Amino acid sequence: MNERIDFYSEVIIKNTANNSKIRGKKGIIMAISEEAGIIYGYSVRIDGFQYSIIVNEGDVSPTGKKFRREDFFDGSSIGVTPDGELTRVDIKKD
C-alpha cells in the first residue's frame, strides 16, 4: 500500500493502469476512496474528459505539484432536502 496522496495534488497515471485511454496522462486528485485507513482509489480530473475518472490506488504517482481547493471551487453552494427540493442557493460572483 502506498502513502495517501493529498486532495488537489497533480498525479500521473501509470502505464500499468487498467484504462489504456488515460495511461501517461496527468490529472488532479479530486476525491479519495478510503475506509478504515485503507485507500482504495482516487477520483482524478483529467483534461479532455467530461467526468473525473476513478483509478486504483496503485495506478497513480504524485508529480509533487499541488493546487488549492480555490483553484477548482469558488465557494458557491446549494441546499436541497432529501426529496430534492431546493432550499438554498448561494452563488459567489467575482
N, C-alpha and C. Protein backbone atom coordinates (compact mmCIF):
# COMPACT_ATOMS: atom_id res chain seq x y z
N MET A 1 0.84 -1.18 0.00
CA MET A 1 0.00 0.00 0.00
C MET A 1 0.89 1.24 0.00
N ASN A 2 0.56 2.20 -0.86
CA ASN A 2 1.31 3.45 -0.97
C ASN A 2 0.78 4.47 0.02
N GLU A 3 1.56 5.53 0.20
CA GLU A 3 1.14 6.62 1.08
C GLU A 3 0.01 7.42 0.42
N ARG A 4 -0.91 7.91 1.24
CA ARG A 4 -2.06 8.68 0.75
C ARG A 4 -1.60 9.93 0.02
N ILE A 5 -2.19 10.19 -1.14
CA ILE A 5 -1.91 11.40 -1.91
C ILE A 5 -2.97 12.43 -1.54
N ASP A 6 -2.56 13.65 -1.28
CA ASP A 6 -3.47 14.71 -0.84
C ASP A 6 -4.44 15.14 -1.93
N PHE A 7 -5.59 15.67 -1.49
CA PHE A 7 -6.53 16.30 -2.40
C PHE A 7 -5.81 17.39 -3.19
N TYR A 8 -6.20 17.57 -4.45
CA TYR A 8 -5.73 18.63 -5.33
C TYR A 8 -4.25 18.50 -5.68
N SER A 9 -3.70 17.30 -5.52
CA SER A 9 -2.33 17.03 -5.95
C SER A 9 -2.35 16.58 -7.40
N GLU A 10 -1.36 17.03 -8.16
CA GLU A 10 -1.23 16.56 -9.53
C GLU A 10 -0.60 15.17 -9.51
N VAL A 11 -1.12 14.28 -10.35
CA VAL A 11 -0.60 12.93 -10.45
C VAL A 11 -0.42 12.58 -11.92
N ILE A 12 0.36 11.56 -12.16
CA ILE A 12 0.46 10.99 -13.50
C ILE A 12 -0.05 9.56 -13.42
N ILE A 13 -0.84 9.19 -14.40
CA ILE A 13 -1.40 7.84 -14.44
C ILE A 13 -0.32 6.89 -14.96
N LYS A 14 -0.06 5.83 -14.22
CA LYS A 14 0.98 4.88 -14.59
C LYS A 14 0.60 4.11 -15.85
N ASN A 15 1.61 3.65 -16.56
CA ASN A 15 1.40 2.89 -17.80
C ASN A 15 0.80 1.51 -17.54
N THR A 16 0.71 1.12 -16.28
CA THR A 16 0.12 -0.17 -15.92
C THR A 16 -1.36 -0.06 -15.55
N ALA A 17 -1.93 1.16 -15.63
CA ALA A 17 -3.34 1.36 -15.28
C ALA A 17 -4.24 0.53 -16.19
N ASN A 18 -5.36 0.06 -15.64
CA ASN A 18 -6.31 -0.75 -16.41
C ASN A 18 -6.87 -0.02 -17.62
N ASN A 19 -7.16 1.27 -17.47
CA ASN A 19 -7.77 2.06 -18.53
C ASN A 19 -6.67 2.61 -19.44
N SER A 20 -6.52 2.01 -20.62
CA SER A 20 -5.44 2.41 -21.52
C SER A 20 -5.60 3.83 -22.05
N LYS A 21 -6.80 4.38 -22.02
CA LYS A 21 -7.04 5.74 -22.54
C LYS A 21 -6.43 6.82 -21.66
N ILE A 22 -6.12 6.49 -20.41
CA ILE A 22 -5.60 7.51 -19.51
C ILE A 22 -4.14 7.27 -19.12
N ARG A 23 -3.55 6.20 -19.58
CA ARG A 23 -2.15 5.91 -19.24
C ARG A 23 -1.24 7.05 -19.67
N GLY A 24 -0.37 7.48 -18.76
CA GLY A 24 0.59 8.53 -19.06
C GLY A 24 0.05 9.94 -18.95
N LYS A 25 -1.24 10.09 -18.72
CA LYS A 25 -1.83 11.42 -18.62
C LYS A 25 -1.68 11.98 -17.20
N LYS A 26 -1.67 13.31 -17.12
CA LYS A 26 -1.63 13.97 -15.83
C LYS A 26 -3.04 14.35 -15.43
N GLY A 27 -3.28 14.39 -14.12
CA GLY A 27 -4.58 14.77 -13.60
C GLY A 27 -4.45 15.28 -12.19
N ILE A 28 -5.60 15.66 -11.61
CA ILE A 28 -5.65 16.22 -10.26
C ILE A 28 -6.55 15.35 -9.39
N ILE A 29 -6.10 15.02 -8.18
CA ILE A 29 -6.90 14.25 -7.23
C ILE A 29 -8.05 15.12 -6.73
N MET A 30 -9.29 14.70 -7.02
CA MET A 30 -10.48 15.45 -6.60
C MET A 30 -11.22 14.76 -5.46
N ALA A 31 -11.06 13.46 -5.31
CA ALA A 31 -11.72 12.71 -4.23
C ALA A 31 -10.90 11.46 -3.93
N ILE A 32 -11.08 10.95 -2.72
CA ILE A 32 -10.33 9.78 -2.27
C ILE A 32 -11.31 8.75 -1.74
N SER A 33 -11.18 7.51 -2.21
CA SER A 33 -11.98 6.40 -1.70
C SER A 33 -11.16 5.73 -0.60
N GLU A 34 -11.59 5.94 0.64
CA GLU A 34 -10.83 5.46 1.79
C GLU A 34 -11.78 4.98 2.87
N GLU A 35 -11.44 3.87 3.48
CA GLU A 35 -12.24 3.35 4.59
C GLU A 35 -11.31 2.68 5.59
N ALA A 36 -11.46 3.04 6.85
CA ALA A 36 -10.66 2.47 7.93
C ALA A 36 -9.17 2.56 7.64
N GLY A 37 -8.76 3.70 7.06
CA GLY A 37 -7.35 3.92 6.78
C GLY A 37 -6.82 3.23 5.54
N ILE A 38 -7.66 2.50 4.84
CA ILE A 38 -7.25 1.81 3.61
C ILE A 38 -7.71 2.64 2.41
N ILE A 39 -6.77 2.99 1.54
CA ILE A 39 -7.09 3.75 0.33
C ILE A 39 -7.36 2.75 -0.79
N TYR A 40 -8.55 2.88 -1.38
CA TYR A 40 -8.94 2.00 -2.47
C TYR A 40 -8.71 2.63 -3.83
N GLY A 41 -8.82 3.95 -3.91
CA GLY A 41 -8.63 4.60 -5.19
C GLY A 41 -8.83 6.09 -5.09
N TYR A 42 -8.73 6.74 -6.25
CA TYR A 42 -8.85 8.18 -6.33
C TYR A 42 -9.76 8.55 -7.50
N SER A 43 -10.43 9.68 -7.35
CA SER A 43 -11.15 10.28 -8.46
C SER A 43 -10.22 11.35 -9.01
N VAL A 44 -9.88 11.22 -10.30
CA VAL A 44 -8.88 12.09 -10.91
C VAL A 44 -9.52 12.90 -12.04
N ARG A 45 -9.33 14.20 -11.98
CA ARG A 45 -9.79 15.10 -13.05
C ARG A 45 -8.68 15.17 -14.09
N ILE A 46 -9.02 14.76 -15.30
CA ILE A 46 -8.04 14.75 -16.40
C ILE A 46 -8.57 15.65 -17.51
N ASP A 47 -7.75 16.58 -17.98
CA ASP A 47 -8.16 17.46 -19.07
C ASP A 47 -8.59 16.63 -20.27
N GLY A 48 -9.67 17.08 -20.90
CA GLY A 48 -10.18 16.39 -22.08
C GLY A 48 -11.26 15.37 -21.78
N PHE A 49 -11.49 15.08 -20.51
CA PHE A 49 -12.53 14.14 -20.11
C PHE A 49 -13.66 14.92 -19.45
N GLN A 50 -14.89 14.56 -19.76
CA GLN A 50 -16.04 15.28 -19.21
C GLN A 50 -16.19 15.05 -17.71
N TYR A 51 -15.85 13.86 -17.24
CA TYR A 51 -16.02 13.50 -15.84
C TYR A 51 -14.69 13.09 -15.24
N SER A 52 -14.62 13.13 -13.91
CA SER A 52 -13.45 12.58 -13.23
C SER A 52 -13.41 11.08 -13.44
N ILE A 53 -12.23 10.52 -13.47
CA ILE A 53 -12.02 9.10 -13.70
C ILE A 53 -11.60 8.46 -12.38
N ILE A 54 -12.21 7.34 -12.04
CA ILE A 54 -11.83 6.59 -10.84
C ILE A 54 -10.67 5.67 -11.20
N VAL A 55 -9.60 5.76 -10.42
CA VAL A 55 -8.43 4.91 -10.65
C VAL A 55 -8.06 4.18 -9.37
N ASN A 56 -7.45 3.04 -9.52
CA ASN A 56 -6.98 2.28 -8.36
C ASN A 56 -5.84 3.03 -7.67
N GLU A 57 -5.69 2.78 -6.42
CA GLU A 57 -4.70 3.46 -5.59
C GLU A 57 -3.29 3.32 -6.18
N GLY A 58 -2.95 2.18 -6.71
CA GLY A 58 -1.61 1.94 -7.24
C GLY A 58 -1.38 2.42 -8.66
N ASP A 59 -2.39 3.03 -9.27
CA ASP A 59 -2.28 3.45 -10.68
C ASP A 59 -1.84 4.89 -10.86
N VAL A 60 -1.53 5.58 -9.78
CA VAL A 60 -1.12 6.99 -9.88
C VAL A 60 0.17 7.24 -9.11
N SER A 61 0.94 8.20 -9.62
CA SER A 61 2.14 8.66 -8.93
C SER A 61 2.08 10.18 -8.81
N PRO A 62 2.34 10.74 -7.63
CA PRO A 62 2.32 12.20 -7.49
C PRO A 62 3.48 12.84 -8.23
N THR A 63 3.23 14.00 -8.83
CA THR A 63 4.30 14.75 -9.50
C THR A 63 4.99 15.71 -8.56
N GLY A 64 4.35 15.98 -7.41
CA GLY A 64 4.89 16.95 -6.45
C GLY A 64 4.21 18.31 -6.54
N LYS A 65 3.46 18.53 -7.62
CA LYS A 65 2.75 19.80 -7.78
C LYS A 65 1.41 19.73 -7.05
N LYS A 66 1.10 20.78 -6.31
CA LYS A 66 -0.15 20.82 -5.55
C LYS A 66 -0.93 22.08 -5.88
N PHE A 67 -2.24 21.94 -5.88
CA PHE A 67 -3.14 23.05 -6.13
C PHE A 67 -3.93 23.32 -4.85
N ARG A 68 -4.71 24.40 -4.87
CA ARG A 68 -5.57 24.75 -3.75
C ARG A 68 -7.02 24.44 -4.12
N ARG A 69 -7.85 24.23 -3.14
CA ARG A 69 -9.27 23.99 -3.38
C ARG A 69 -9.88 25.13 -4.20
N GLU A 70 -9.46 26.35 -3.90
CA GLU A 70 -9.98 27.53 -4.57
C GLU A 70 -9.65 27.55 -6.06
N ASP A 71 -8.67 26.77 -6.48
CA ASP A 71 -8.34 26.69 -7.91
C ASP A 71 -9.44 25.99 -8.69
N PHE A 72 -10.31 25.25 -7.99
CA PHE A 72 -11.36 24.46 -8.65
C PHE A 72 -12.77 24.85 -8.24
N PHE A 73 -12.93 25.36 -7.03
CA PHE A 73 -14.25 25.67 -6.50
C PHE A 73 -14.29 27.12 -6.02
N ASP A 74 -15.37 27.84 -6.36
CA ASP A 74 -15.46 29.25 -5.99
C ASP A 74 -16.22 29.50 -4.70
N GLY A 75 -16.69 28.47 -4.02
CA GLY A 75 -17.41 28.63 -2.77
C GLY A 75 -18.92 28.68 -2.94
N SER A 76 -19.41 28.64 -4.18
CA SER A 76 -20.86 28.59 -4.41
C SER A 76 -21.41 27.29 -3.87
N SER A 77 -22.70 27.33 -3.44
CA SER A 77 -23.31 26.11 -2.92
C SER A 77 -24.82 26.19 -3.04
N ILE A 78 -25.45 25.03 -2.92
CA ILE A 78 -26.91 24.95 -2.88
C ILE A 78 -27.30 24.03 -1.73
N GLY A 79 -28.55 24.13 -1.30
CA GLY A 79 -29.09 23.23 -0.30
C GLY A 79 -30.33 22.56 -0.86
N VAL A 80 -30.46 21.27 -0.60
CA VAL A 80 -31.64 20.53 -1.05
C VAL A 80 -32.11 19.61 0.08
N THR A 81 -33.41 19.32 0.08
CA THR A 81 -33.97 18.37 1.04
C THR A 81 -33.73 16.96 0.51
N PRO A 82 -33.93 15.93 1.33
CA PRO A 82 -33.81 14.55 0.84
C PRO A 82 -34.75 14.25 -0.34
N ASP A 83 -35.83 15.03 -0.45
CA ASP A 83 -36.76 14.84 -1.57
C ASP A 83 -36.35 15.62 -2.81
N GLY A 84 -35.26 16.35 -2.74
CA GLY A 84 -34.78 17.09 -3.89
C GLY A 84 -35.29 18.51 -4.01
N GLU A 85 -35.97 19.01 -2.99
CA GLU A 85 -36.47 20.38 -3.01
C GLU A 85 -35.33 21.35 -2.73
N LEU A 86 -35.19 22.34 -3.59
CA LEU A 86 -34.16 23.35 -3.44
C LEU A 86 -34.50 24.26 -2.26
N THR A 87 -33.60 24.39 -1.30
CA THR A 87 -33.85 25.21 -0.12
C THR A 87 -32.93 26.41 -0.01
N ARG A 88 -31.80 26.38 -0.71
CA ARG A 88 -30.84 27.48 -0.58
C ARG A 88 -29.96 27.52 -1.83
N VAL A 89 -29.68 28.75 -2.30
CA VAL A 89 -28.74 28.96 -3.41
C VAL A 89 -27.81 30.07 -3.00
N ASP A 90 -26.51 29.79 -3.03
CA ASP A 90 -25.51 30.79 -2.67
C ASP A 90 -24.47 30.80 -3.79
N ILE A 91 -24.65 31.72 -4.75
CA ILE A 91 -23.75 31.81 -5.89
C ILE A 91 -22.75 32.94 -5.62
N LYS A 92 -21.48 32.60 -5.67
CA LYS A 92 -20.41 33.58 -5.48
C LYS A 92 -20.12 34.25 -6.82
N LYS A 93 -20.00 35.56 -6.81
CA LYS A 93 -19.69 36.31 -8.02
C LYS A 93 -18.36 37.01 -7.83
N ASP A 94 -17.61 37.13 -8.90
CA ASP A 94 -16.31 37.82 -8.82
C ASP A 94 -16.46 39.28 -8.54
